[in-house]
Protein backbone atom coordinates (compact mmCIF):
# COMPACT_ATOMS: atom_id res chain seq x y z
CA UNK A 1 25.31 68.63 95.58
CA UNK A 2 23.49 65.44 96.51
CA UNK A 3 24.64 61.91 95.77
CA UNK A 4 23.20 60.82 92.36
CA UNK A 5 22.80 57.30 93.79
CA UNK A 6 20.76 58.41 96.81
CA UNK A 7 17.15 57.26 96.90
CA UNK A 8 14.61 60.01 96.09
CA UNK A 9 11.40 60.03 98.13
CA UNK A 10 8.08 59.29 96.40
CA UNK A 11 6.75 62.86 96.58
CA UNK A 12 9.90 64.23 94.93
CA UNK A 13 9.79 61.58 92.20
CA UNK A 14 6.15 62.41 91.45
CA UNK A 15 6.89 66.14 91.39
CA UNK A 16 9.85 65.71 89.03
CA UNK A 17 8.18 63.45 86.45
CA UNK A 18 7.27 66.58 84.45
CA UNK A 19 10.98 67.11 83.78
CA UNK A 20 11.13 63.93 81.67
CA UNK A 21 8.24 63.94 79.18
CA UNK A 22 6.76 60.54 78.39
CA UNK A 23 8.10 58.82 81.50
CA UNK A 24 5.99 57.53 84.37
CA UNK A 25 6.54 55.73 87.63
CA UNK A 26 5.79 52.03 87.50
CA UNK A 27 6.43 50.24 90.75
CA UNK A 28 9.92 51.30 91.84
CA UNK A 29 11.21 52.45 88.43
CA UNK A 30 10.87 55.12 85.78
CA UNK A 31 9.23 53.66 82.67
CA UNK A 32 8.63 54.75 79.09
CA UNK A 33 7.45 53.08 75.89
CA UNK A 34 8.85 54.26 72.56
CA UNK A 35 7.55 53.56 69.07
CA UNK A 36 9.55 53.88 65.86
CA UNK A 37 8.93 53.55 62.12
CA UNK A 38 10.31 50.01 61.97
CA UNK A 39 12.58 47.46 63.60
CA UNK A 40 15.77 49.00 62.23
CA UNK A 41 14.96 52.38 63.79
CA UNK A 42 14.05 50.75 67.10
CA UNK A 43 17.24 48.71 67.12
CA UNK A 44 19.36 51.75 66.25
CA UNK A 45 17.79 53.61 69.17
CA UNK A 46 18.57 50.69 71.47
CA UNK A 47 22.20 50.69 70.33
CA UNK A 48 22.45 54.40 71.16
CA UNK A 49 20.83 53.87 74.57
CA UNK A 50 23.25 51.00 75.24
CA UNK A 51 26.18 53.39 74.73
CA UNK A 52 24.67 55.86 77.21
CA UNK A 53 24.06 53.05 79.72
CA UNK A 54 27.66 51.89 79.46
CA UNK A 55 29.08 55.40 79.90
CA UNK A 56 26.88 55.93 82.96
CA UNK A 57 27.38 52.36 84.22
CA UNK A 58 23.62 52.35 84.73
CA UNK A 59 21.75 49.70 82.79
CA UNK A 60 18.00 49.56 82.13
CA UNK A 61 15.55 46.72 82.01
CA UNK A 62 14.14 46.83 78.52
CA UNK A 63 12.39 44.92 75.79
CA UNK A 64 11.88 45.25 72.06
CA UNK A 65 9.12 43.95 69.82
CA UNK A 66 9.47 45.01 66.20
CA UNK A 67 9.15 48.83 66.29
CA UNK A 68 8.50 49.21 70.03
CA UNK A 69 11.01 49.61 72.85
CA UNK A 70 10.04 49.61 76.53
CA UNK A 71 12.53 50.88 79.10
CA UNK A 72 12.46 50.73 82.89
CA UNK A 73 15.25 52.24 84.95
CA UNK A 74 15.90 52.21 88.68
CA UNK A 75 18.87 51.99 90.97
CA UNK A 76 18.81 48.47 92.34
CA UNK A 77 21.59 49.17 94.87
CA UNK A 78 19.59 52.09 96.31
CA UNK A 79 16.31 50.18 96.16
CA UNK A 80 14.39 52.59 93.93
CA UNK A 81 14.57 55.79 91.93
CA UNK A 82 17.57 58.11 92.20
CA UNK A 83 18.90 61.23 90.49
CA UNK A 84 20.92 58.92 88.25
CA UNK A 85 17.65 57.51 86.89
CA UNK A 86 16.38 61.00 86.04
CA UNK A 87 19.69 61.75 84.32
CA UNK A 88 19.42 58.52 82.32
CA UNK A 89 15.82 59.26 81.28
CA UNK A 90 16.77 62.80 80.19
CA UNK A 91 19.60 61.44 78.02
CA UNK A 92 17.32 58.79 76.49
CA UNK A 93 14.70 61.43 75.64
CA UNK A 94 17.36 63.40 73.77
CA UNK A 95 18.22 60.32 71.73
CA UNK A 96 14.57 59.71 70.88
CA UNK A 97 14.26 63.24 69.55
């Protein structure tokens, strides 16, 4: 089993993006925009994602404007995208439904 904090090469990242629907590579991170019915739903989603981030000790860069949430995740210590980022994105997709 490989180290979840080990940097994944660009070709592997691009090949694996299909495993996490809605996500794309932007610069050196995985990125996805989410849209919800209203601010309360968006904020509830963010609270759920925050719990996942704390459990994983892997925190995203994100923003919220009314019903929209944008998330970018990368492993700053590794200098790019790792297996841990793919795991995070998979968990976030499950929360989004």
